[in-house]
Amino acid sequence: MSVTTQFRKGALDMCVLFILQTDDFYGYDLTQQIKKTYTNY
């Protein structure tokens, strides 16, 4: 696999960890927070 593929696989993990450092979330709330945070890019 290419480096780009490996980066993309780890990107979601990094987004989740970044968001969880500020507060605790349940699954649905976490997905909504990710959507709100990262859809503007």
Protein backbone atom coordinates (compact mmCIF):
# COMPACT_ATOMS: atom_id res chain seq x y z
CA MET A 1 0.00 0.00 0.00
CA SER A 2 1.09 3.52 -0.67
CA VAL A 3 1.96 6.10 1.95
CA THR A 4 -1.17 8.08 1.02
CA THR A 5 -3.40 5.08 1.69
CA GLN A 6 -1.77 4.49 5.06
CA PHE A 7 -2.18 8.17 5.95
CA ARG A 8 -5.87 8.13 5.09
CA LYS A 9 -6.43 5.03 7.20
CA GLY A 10 -4.94 6.80 10.22
CA ALA A 11 -6.59 10.16 9.64
CA LEU A 12 -9.95 9.20 11.15
CA ASP A 13 -8.23 7.82 14.24
CA MET A 14 -6.38 11.09 14.68
CA CYS A 15 -9.60 13.11 14.26
CA VAL A 16 -11.33 11.01 16.91
CA LEU A 17 -8.44 11.34 19.35
CA PHE A 18 -8.25 15.09 18.75
CA ILE A 19 -11.94 15.54 19.53
CA LEU A 20 -11.89 13.21 22.54
CA GLN A 21 -9.12 15.18 24.20
CA THR A 22 -11.60 17.98 24.94
CA ASP A 23 -14.61 15.99 26.20
CA ASP A 24 -16.24 12.57 26.41
CA PHE A 25 -18.67 11.61 23.66
CA TYR A 26 -20.89 8.67 22.85
CA GLY A 27 -20.80 7.20 19.32
CA TYR A 28 -23.54 9.28 17.70
CA ASP A 29 -22.42 12.49 19.37
CA LEU A 30 -18.85 11.81 18.30
CA THR A 31 -19.83 11.35 14.67
CA GLN A 32 -21.87 14.55 14.74
CA GLN A 33 -18.93 16.45 16.26
CA ILE A 34 -16.57 15.09 13.58
CA LYS A 35 -19.03 16.07 10.88
CA LYS A 36 -19.40 19.58 12.32
CA THR A 37 -15.67 20.04 12.80
CA TYR A 38 -14.29 18.65 9.55
CA THR A 39 -16.92 19.25 6.86
CA ASN A 40 -15.78 22.84 6.38
CA TYR A 41 -12.43 21.72 4.92
